[in-house]
Amino acid sequence: MKKIVFILLLLVITTSLYAEQTFFTRGSLNIKEVALSFDDGPGLNTKDILKVLDKKDVKATFFLLGSSAAKRPKLVKEIYSKGHELANHTYNHMNFFRYDEENNKKEKIKEEILQCQDLIKDITGFRTKLVRFPHGYLKDDAIEIARETNYKIINWTFGIDWERDLSQEEMFDLYVENAKPGTIFLMHDLLKNTTITKMLPEFIDKLKSKGYKFVTVGEMINKRLSEENL
């Protein structure tokens, strides 16, 4: 019974958030498009991923971690110069699910967003519009700050690349199986992950052969909002 009540409550909360156009986990179910998103970088895997995306003529969204971007500003510029979308993943990757200082939690969330935003803008001139909180954090305080700072919160539809025990074939199959119209895929580019870089070209080819178009998260969300506002 408790589980049913929790699921119903989650559905009500999610529906409310979507209605207010603040939080998204996917794009339109009616458009055969998917989006690739990469968290925590730029890092050791970024250059290899960029090479694949260049070769396959695909644009992706990079949710940059401020502390990583500060160490690799040239790589941030390279991502942006290649036409990929830059997004905000906060500065220090704090786990707000475990943050104990309730009295200034909202202030800390805001600080983390703005510190990352300002760094990316200083490097590229681009002001980020999308934020993904570490560990998919989503509570009222995060929603309030996102609205205050004019951000849309983006989580994801499917991701599993952190499971290092999966073989390349297993990971490929799981990502392909979870491809649906509007899917936002989560991957990571901070740490070296040869499984991702090896399976990514085949994954892109496979989805293209199924008729999917790859777009950035921002493009996908804008189309969804346009569709819903008709």
C-alpha atoms as a PDB file:
ATOM      1  CA  MET A   1       0.000   0.000   0.000  1.00  0.00           C
ATOM      2  CA  LYS A   2       2.793   2.413   0.914  1.00  0.00           C
ATOM      3  CA  LYS A   3       4.476   1.690  -2.417  1.00  0.00           C
ATOM      4  CA  ILE A   4       1.283   2.470  -4.337  1.00  0.00           C
ATOM      5  CA  VAL A   5       0.787   5.729  -2.436  1.00  0.00           C
ATOM      6  CA  PHE A   6       4.415   6.709  -3.122  1.00  0.00           C
ATOM      7  CA  ILE A   7       4.069   6.000  -6.844  1.00  0.00           C
ATOM      8  CA  LEU A   8       0.855   8.023  -7.049  1.00  0.00           C
ATOM      9  CA  LEU A   9       2.474  10.907  -5.170  1.00  0.00           C
ATOM     10  CA  LEU A  10       5.490  10.804  -7.497  1.00  0.00           C
ATOM     11  CA  LEU A  11       3.204  10.916 -10.522  1.00  0.00           C
ATOM     12  CA  VAL A  12       1.346  13.933  -9.128  1.00  0.00           C
ATOM     13  CA  ILE A  13       4.611  15.754  -8.367  1.00  0.00           C
ATOM     14  CA  THR A  14       6.120  14.934 -11.768  1.00  0.00           C
ATOM     15  CA  THR A  15       2.949  15.974 -13.606  1.00  0.00           C
ATOM     16  CA  SER A  16       2.920  19.275 -11.719  1.00  0.00           C
ATOM     17  CA  LEU A  17       6.563  19.938 -12.525  1.00  0.00           C
ATOM     18  CA  TYR A  18       6.091  19.196 -16.208  1.00  0.00           C
ATOM     19  CA  ALA A  19       3.055  21.480 -16.291  1.00  0.00           C
ATOM     20  CA  GLU A  20       5.144  24.292 -14.904  1.00  0.00           C
ATOM     21  CA  GLN A  21       7.853  23.482 -17.466  1.00  0.00           C
ATOM     22  CA  THR A  22      10.690  23.183 -14.976  1.00  0.00           C
ATOM     23  CA  PHE A  23      11.798  19.542 -14.932  1.00  0.00           C
ATOM     24  CA  PHE A  24      12.311  17.082 -17.791  1.00  0.00           C
ATOM     25  CA  THR A  25      13.539  13.534 -18.222  1.00  0.00           C
ATOM     26  CA  ARG A  26      12.726  13.205 -21.918  1.00  0.00           C
ATOM     27  CA  GLY A  27      11.592  14.958 -25.034  1.00  0.00           C
ATOM     28  CA  SER A  28       8.478  14.445 -27.133  1.00  0.00           C
ATOM     29  CA  LEU A  29       7.105  10.944 -27.498  1.00  0.00           C
ATOM     30  CA  ASN A  30       5.879  11.923 -30.963  1.00  0.00           C
ATOM     31  CA  ILE A  31       9.216  12.853 -32.560  1.00  0.00           C
ATOM     32  CA  LYS A  32      11.758  10.171 -33.422  1.00  0.00           C
ATOM     33  CA  GLU A  33      14.706  11.957 -31.847  1.00  0.00           C
ATOM     34  CA  VAL A  34      17.142  11.070 -29.076  1.00  0.00           C
ATOM     35  CA  ALA A  35      19.762  13.102 -27.215  1.00  0.00           C
ATOM     36  CA  LEU A  36      23.198  12.136 -25.948  1.00  0.00           C
ATOM     37  CA  SER A  37      24.275  13.811 -22.710  1.00  0.00           C
ATOM     38  CA  PHE A  38      27.616  13.549 -20.931  1.00  0.00           C
ATOM     39  CA  ASP A  39      28.180  14.358 -17.260  1.00  0.00           C
ATOM     40  CA  ASP A  40      31.111  15.355 -15.025  1.00  0.00           C
ATOM     41  CA  GLY A  41      33.565  16.496 -17.683  1.00  0.00           C
ATOM     42  CA  PRO A  42      35.456  17.698 -19.449  1.00  0.00           C
ATOM     43  CA  GLY A  43      37.783  14.860 -18.605  1.00  0.00           C
ATOM     44  CA  LEU A  44      39.885  11.960 -19.808  1.00  0.00           C
ATOM     45  CA  ASN A  45      37.180  10.593 -22.092  1.00  0.00           C
ATOM     46  CA  THR A  46      36.076  13.854 -23.684  1.00  0.00           C
ATOM     47  CA  LYS A  47      38.507  14.036 -26.609  1.00  0.00           C
ATOM     48  CA  ASP A  48      37.747  10.462 -27.694  1.00  0.00           C
ATOM     49  CA  ILE A  49      34.017  11.147 -27.484  1.00  0.00           C
ATOM     50  CA  LEU A  50      34.382  14.354 -29.505  1.00  0.00           C
ATOM     51  CA  LYS A  51      36.221  12.430 -32.236  1.00  0.00           C
ATOM     52  CA  VAL A  52      33.341   9.958 -32.482  1.00  0.00           C
ATOM     53  CA  LEU A  53      30.708  12.711 -32.519  1.00  0.00           C
ATOM     54  CA  ASP A  54      32.631  14.606 -35.217  1.00  0.00           C
ATOM     55  CA  LYS A  55      32.953  11.528 -37.380  1.00  0.00           C
ATOM     56  CA  LYS A  56      29.255  10.659 -37.025  1.00  0.00           C
ATOM     57  CA  ASP A  57      28.099  14.287 -37.405  1.00  0.00           C
ATOM     58  CA  VAL A  58      26.208  14.216 -34.094  1.00  0.00           C
ATOM     59  CA  LYS A  59      25.766  17.075 -31.630  1.00  0.00           C
ATOM     60  CA  ALA A  60      25.504  16.255 -27.936  1.00  0.00           C
ATOM     61  CA  THR A  61      24.947  18.041 -24.627  1.00  0.00           C
ATOM     62  CA  PHE A  62      27.780  18.223 -22.109  1.00  0.00           C
ATOM     63  CA  PHE A  63      26.731  18.838 -18.497  1.00  0.00           C
ATOM     64  CA  LEU A  64      30.007  20.344 -17.369  1.00  0.00           C
ATOM     65  CA  LEU A  65      31.262  20.104 -13.820  1.00  0.00           C
ATOM     66  CA  GLY A  66      32.787  23.421 -12.781  1.00  0.00           C
ATOM     67  CA  SER A  67      35.776  21.875 -11.004  1.00  0.00           C
ATOM     68  CA  SER A  68      36.566  19.834 -14.130  1.00  0.00           C
ATOM     69  CA  ALA A  69      36.059  22.782 -16.473  1.00  0.00           C
ATOM     70  CA  ALA A  70      38.397  24.943 -14.390  1.00  0.00           C
ATOM     71  CA  LYS A  71      41.187  22.410 -14.966  1.00  0.00           C
ATOM     72  CA  ARG A  72      40.551  22.073 -18.721  1.00  0.00           C
ATOM     73  CA  PRO A  73      39.324  25.408 -20.131  1.00  0.00           C
ATOM     74  CA  LYS A  74      40.772  24.656 -23.587  1.00  0.00           C
ATOM     75  CA  LEU A  75      38.680  21.498 -23.746  1.00  0.00           C
ATOM     76  CA  VAL A  76      35.579  23.451 -22.750  1.00  0.00           C
ATOM     77  CA  LYS A  77      36.286  25.822 -25.644  1.00  0.00           C
ATOM     78  CA  GLU A  78      36.767  22.875 -27.996  1.00  0.00           C
ATOM     79  CA  ILE A  79      33.431  21.333 -27.032  1.00  0.00           C
ATOM     80  CA  TYR A  80      31.688  24.647 -27.613  1.00  0.00           C
ATOM     81  CA  SER A  81      33.529  25.447 -30.853  1.00  0.00           C
ATOM     82  CA  LYS A  82      32.405  22.129 -32.334  1.00  0.00           C
ATOM     83  CA  GLY A  83      28.768  23.138 -31.888  1.00  0.00           C
ATOM     84  CA  HIS A  84      27.886  20.983 -28.915  1.00  0.00           C
ATOM     85  CA  GLU A  85      25.587  22.241 -26.174  1.00  0.00           C
ATOM     86  CA  LEU A  86      27.073  23.296 -22.841  1.00  0.00           C
ATOM     87  CA  ALA A  87      25.008  22.719 -19.707  1.00  0.00           C
ATOM     88  CA  ASN A  88      25.485  23.081 -15.960  1.00  0.00           C
ATOM     89  CA  HIS A  89      26.280  20.188 -13.598  1.00  0.00           C
ATOM     90  CA  THR A  90      27.141  22.441 -10.607  1.00  0.00           C
ATOM     91  CA  TYR A  91      30.675  23.268  -9.531  1.00  0.00           C
ATOM     92  CA  ASN A  92      31.704  20.670  -6.947  1.00  0.00           C
ATOM     93  CA  HIS A  93      29.346  17.719  -7.586  1.00  0.00           C
ATOM     94  CA  MET A  94      27.893  17.927  -4.085  1.00  0.00           C
ATOM     95  CA  ASN A  95      25.366  15.257  -3.135  1.00  0.00           C
ATOM     96  CA  PHE A  96      22.468  17.360  -1.900  1.00  0.00           C
ATOM     97  CA  PHE A  97      20.591  14.226  -0.856  1.00  0.00           C
ATOM     98  CA  ARG A  98      23.167  13.999   1.949  1.00  0.00           C
ATOM     99  CA  TYR A  99      23.640  17.682   2.637  1.00  0.00           C
ATOM    100  CA  ASP A 100      23.075  18.230   6.354  1.00  0.00           C
ATOM    101  CA  GLU A 101      23.138  22.012   6.660  1.00  0.00           C
ATOM    102  CA  GLU A 102      19.443  22.537   6.052  1.00  0.00           C
ATOM    103  CA  ASN A 103      19.524  26.201   7.065  1.00  0.00           C
ATOM    104  CA  ASN A 104      21.608  27.298   4.095  1.00  0.00           C
ATOM    105  CA  LYS A 105      20.978  24.457   1.672  1.00  0.00           C
ATOM    106  CA  LYS A 106      19.175  26.615  -0.886  1.00  0.00           C
ATOM    107  CA  GLU A 107      21.967  29.151  -0.771  1.00  0.00           C
ATOM    108  CA  LYS A 108      24.504  26.406  -1.381  1.00  0.00           C
ATOM    109  CA  ILE A 109      22.539  25.025  -4.324  1.00  0.00           C
ATOM    110  CA  LYS A 110      22.375  28.508  -5.837  1.00  0.00           C
ATOM    111  CA  GLU A 111      26.082  29.062  -5.244  1.00  0.00           C
ATOM    112  CA  GLU A 112      26.947  25.758  -6.950  1.00  0.00           C
ATOM    113  CA  ILE A 113      24.862  26.628 -10.024  1.00  0.00           C
ATOM    114  CA  LEU A 114      26.087  30.185 -10.380  1.00  0.00           C
ATOM    115  CA  GLN A 115      29.753  29.359  -9.788  1.00  0.00           C
ATOM    116  CA  CYS A 116      29.654  26.813 -12.609  1.00  0.00           C
ATOM    117  CA  GLN A 117      27.594  29.139 -14.802  1.00  0.00           C
ATOM    118  CA  ASP A 118      30.010  32.027 -14.369  1.00  0.00           C
ATOM    119  CA  LEU A 119      33.053  29.877 -15.108  1.00  0.00           C
ATOM    120  CA  ILE A 120      31.597  28.504 -18.342  1.00  0.00           C
ATOM    121  CA  LYS A 121      30.538  31.992 -19.402  1.00  0.00           C
ATOM    122  CA  ASP A 122      34.008  33.363 -18.673  1.00  0.00           C
ATOM    123  CA  ILE A 123      35.562  30.636 -20.836  1.00  0.00           C
ATOM    124  CA  THR A 124      33.130  30.643 -23.760  1.00  0.00           C
ATOM    125  CA  GLY A 125      30.794  33.616 -23.440  1.00  0.00           C
ATOM    126  CA  PHE A 126      27.843  31.216 -23.285  1.00  0.00           C
ATOM    127  CA  ARG A 127      25.363  31.368 -20.429  1.00  0.00           C
ATOM    128  CA  THR A 128      24.070  27.876 -19.618  1.00  0.00           C
ATOM    129  CA  LYS A 129      20.309  27.340 -19.496  1.00  0.00           C
ATOM    130  CA  LEU A 130      20.025  23.700 -18.441  1.00  0.00           C
ATOM    131  CA  VAL A 131      21.128  22.188 -15.141  1.00  0.00           C
ATOM    132  CA  ARG A 132      21.451  18.583 -14.011  1.00  0.00           C
ATOM    133  CA  PHE A 133      22.047  18.158 -10.323  1.00  0.00           C
ATOM    134  CA  PRO A 134      24.515  15.458  -9.218  1.00  0.00           C
ATOM    135  CA  HIS A 135      22.848  12.104  -8.523  1.00  0.00           C
ATOM    136  CA  GLY A 136      19.644  13.389 -10.117  1.00  0.00           C
ATOM    137  CA  TYR A 137      18.767  15.498  -7.085  1.00  0.00           C
ATOM    138  CA  LEU A 138      15.244  16.872  -7.346  1.00  0.00           C
ATOM    139  CA  LYS A 139      13.500  18.429  -4.368  1.00  0.00           C
ATOM    140  CA  ASP A 140      11.545  21.597  -3.776  1.00  0.00           C
ATOM    141  CA  ASP A 141      14.652  23.606  -2.879  1.00  0.00           C
ATOM    142  CA  ALA A 142      16.381  22.694  -6.148  1.00  0.00           C
ATOM    143  CA  ILE A 143      13.239  23.471  -8.140  1.00  0.00           C
ATOM    144  CA  GLU A 144      12.863  26.849  -6.430  1.00  0.00           C
ATOM    145  CA  ILE A 145      16.473  27.830  -7.129  1.00  0.00           C
ATOM    146  CA  ALA A 146      16.288  26.598 -10.728  1.00  0.00           C
ATOM    147  CA  ARG A 147      13.292  28.844 -11.350  1.00  0.00           C
ATOM    148  CA  GLU A 148      14.936  31.760  -9.571  1.00  0.00           C
ATOM    149  CA  THR A 149      18.063  31.443 -11.719  1.00  0.00           C
ATOM    150  CA  ASN A 150      16.094  30.768 -14.923  1.00  0.00           C
ATOM    151  CA  TYR A 151      17.167  27.160 -15.442  1.00  0.00           C
ATOM    152  CA  LYS A 152      15.390  24.045 -16.609  1.00  0.00           C
ATOM    153  CA  ILE A 153      16.270  20.922 -14.636  1.00  0.00           C
ATOM    154  CA  ILE A 154      17.190  17.973 -16.853  1.00  0.00           C
ATOM    155  CA  ASN A 155      17.575  14.428 -15.617  1.00  0.00           C
ATOM    156  CA  TRP A 156      17.648  11.478 -18.010  1.00  0.00           C
ATOM    157  CA  THR A 157      15.615   8.658 -19.468  1.00  0.00           C
ATOM    158  CA  PHE A 158      18.289   5.966 -19.450  1.00  0.00           C
ATOM    159  CA  GLY A 159      21.913   5.542 -18.467  1.00  0.00           C
ATOM    160  CA  ILE A 160      24.101   2.717 -17.213  1.00  0.00           C
ATOM    161  CA  ASP A 161      27.687   3.405 -18.286  1.00  0.00           C
ATOM    162  CA  TRP A 162      28.872   3.544 -14.660  1.00  0.00           C
ATOM    163  CA  GLU A 163      28.342  -0.228 -14.405  1.00  0.00           C
ATOM    164  CA  ARG A 164      31.930  -1.226 -15.156  1.00  0.00           C
ATOM    165  CA  ASP A 165      31.184  -4.966 -15.026  1.00  0.00           C
ATOM    166  CA  LEU A 166      29.143  -4.762 -18.217  1.00  0.00           C
ATOM    167  CA  SER A 167      30.828  -5.854 -21.414  1.00  0.00           C
ATOM    168  CA  GLN A 168      30.809  -3.620 -24.460  1.00  0.00           C
ATOM    169  CA  GLU A 169      28.176  -5.849 -26.079  1.00  0.00           C
ATOM    170  CA  GLU A 170      25.966  -5.822 -22.973  1.00  0.00           C
ATOM    171  CA  MET A 171      26.162  -2.066 -22.640  1.00  0.00           C
ATOM    172  CA  PHE A 172      25.431  -1.590 -26.327  1.00  0.00           C
ATOM    173  CA  ASP A 173      22.365  -3.836 -26.136  1.00  0.00           C
ATOM    174  CA  LEU A 174      20.989  -2.044 -23.071  1.00  0.00           C
ATOM    175  CA  TYR A 175      21.327   1.399 -24.604  1.00  0.00           C
ATOM    176  CA  VAL A 176      19.745   0.259 -27.881  1.00  0.00           C
ATOM    177  CA  GLU A 177      16.872  -1.493 -26.079  1.00  0.00           C
ATOM    178  CA  ASN A 178      16.049   1.702 -24.232  1.00  0.00           C
ATOM    179  CA  ALA A 179      15.947   3.943 -27.297  1.00  0.00           C
ATOM    180  CA  LYS A 180      12.497   5.440 -27.684  1.00  0.00           C
ATOM    181  CA  PRO A 181      11.308   8.751 -29.160  1.00  0.00           C
ATOM    182  CA  GLY A 182      12.394  11.514 -26.806  1.00  0.00           C
ATOM    183  CA  THR A 183      14.994   9.493 -24.894  1.00  0.00           C
ATOM    184  CA  ILE A 184      17.745  11.439 -23.145  1.00  0.00           C
ATOM    185  CA  PHE A 185      20.740   9.139 -22.741  1.00  0.00           C
ATOM    186  CA  LEU A 186      23.152   9.652 -19.859  1.00  0.00           C
ATOM    187  CA  MET A 187      26.858   8.876 -20.201  1.00  0.00           C
ATOM    188  CA  HIS A 188      30.003  10.248 -18.517  1.00  0.00           C
ATOM    189  CA  ASP A 189      33.216  11.741 -19.890  1.00  0.00           C
ATOM    190  CA  LEU A 190      35.313  12.584 -16.812  1.00  0.00           C
ATOM    191  CA  LEU A 191      36.968   9.190 -16.337  1.00  0.00           C
ATOM    192  CA  LYS A 192      38.493   7.022 -19.029  1.00  0.00           C
ATOM    193  CA  ASN A 193      35.867   4.547 -20.166  1.00  0.00           C
ATOM    194  CA  THR A 194      36.915   2.606 -23.237  1.00  0.00           C
ATOM    195  CA  THR A 195      33.654   0.651 -23.204  1.00  0.00           C
ATOM    196  CA  ILE A 196      31.705   3.815 -23.987  1.00  0.00           C
ATOM    197  CA  THR A 197      34.077   5.102 -26.667  1.00  0.00           C
ATOM    198  CA  LYS A 198      34.210   1.704 -28.355  1.00  0.00           C
ATOM    199  CA  MET A 199      30.468   1.109 -28.397  1.00  0.00           C
ATOM    200  CA  LEU A 200      29.424   4.703 -29.187  1.00  0.00           C
ATOM    201  CA  PRO A 201      30.066   4.638 -32.975  1.00  0.00           C
ATOM    202  CA  GLU A 202      28.098   1.424 -33.416  1.00  0.00           C
ATOM    203  CA  PHE A 203      25.354   2.721 -31.127  1.00  0.00           C
ATOM    204  CA  ILE A 204      24.952   5.896 -33.170  1.00  0.00           C
ATOM    205  CA  ASP A 205      24.898   3.933 -36.430  1.00  0.00           C
ATOM    206  CA  LYS A 206      22.338   1.492 -35.041  1.00  0.00           C
ATOM    207  CA  LEU A 207      19.916   4.201 -33.962  1.00  0.00           C
ATOM    208  CA  LYS A 208      20.330   6.088 -37.229  1.00  0.00           C
ATOM    209  CA  SER A 209      19.488   2.866 -39.073  1.00  0.00           C
ATOM    210  CA  LYS A 210      16.294   2.712 -37.003  1.00  0.00           C
ATOM    211  CA  GLY A 211      15.370   6.199 -38.180  1.00  0.00           C
ATOM    212  CA  TYR A 212      16.386   8.193 -35.109  1.00  0.00           C
ATOM    213  CA  LYS A 213      17.813  11.685 -35.340  1.00  0.00           C
ATOM    214  CA  PHE A 214      20.310  12.892 -32.725  1.00  0.00           C
ATOM    215  CA  VAL A 215      19.693  16.362 -31.292  1.00  0.00           C
ATOM    216  CA  THR A 216      20.874  18.306 -28.271  1.00  0.00           C
ATOM    217  CA  VAL A 217      18.838  18.227 -25.079  1.00  0.00           C
ATOM    218  CA  GLY A 218      17.968  21.895 -25.509  1.00  0.00           C
ATOM    219  CA  GLU A 219      16.603  21.322 -29.006  1.00  0.00           C
ATOM    220  CA  MET A 220      14.595  18.360 -27.795  1.00  0.00           C
ATOM    221  CA  ILE A 221      13.035  20.213 -24.855  1.00  0.00           C
ATOM    222  CA  ASN A 222      12.197  23.261 -26.959  1.00  0.00           C
ATOM    223  CA  LYS A 223      10.358  21.059 -29.455  1.00  0.00           C
ATOM    224  CA  ARG A 224       8.467  19.382 -26.664  1.00  0.00           C
ATOM    225  CA  LEU A 225       7.436  22.712 -25.168  1.00  0.00           C
ATOM    226  CA  SER A 226       6.337  23.995 -28.585  1.00  0.00           C
ATOM    227  CA  GLU A 227       4.306  20.854 -29.119  1.00  0.00           C
ATOM    228  CA  GLU A 228       2.611  21.135 -25.711  1.00  0.00           C
ATOM    229  CA  ASN A 229       1.821  24.819 -26.177  1.00  0.00           C
ATOM    230  CA  LEU A 230       0.045  24.369 -29.515  1.00  0.00           C
END
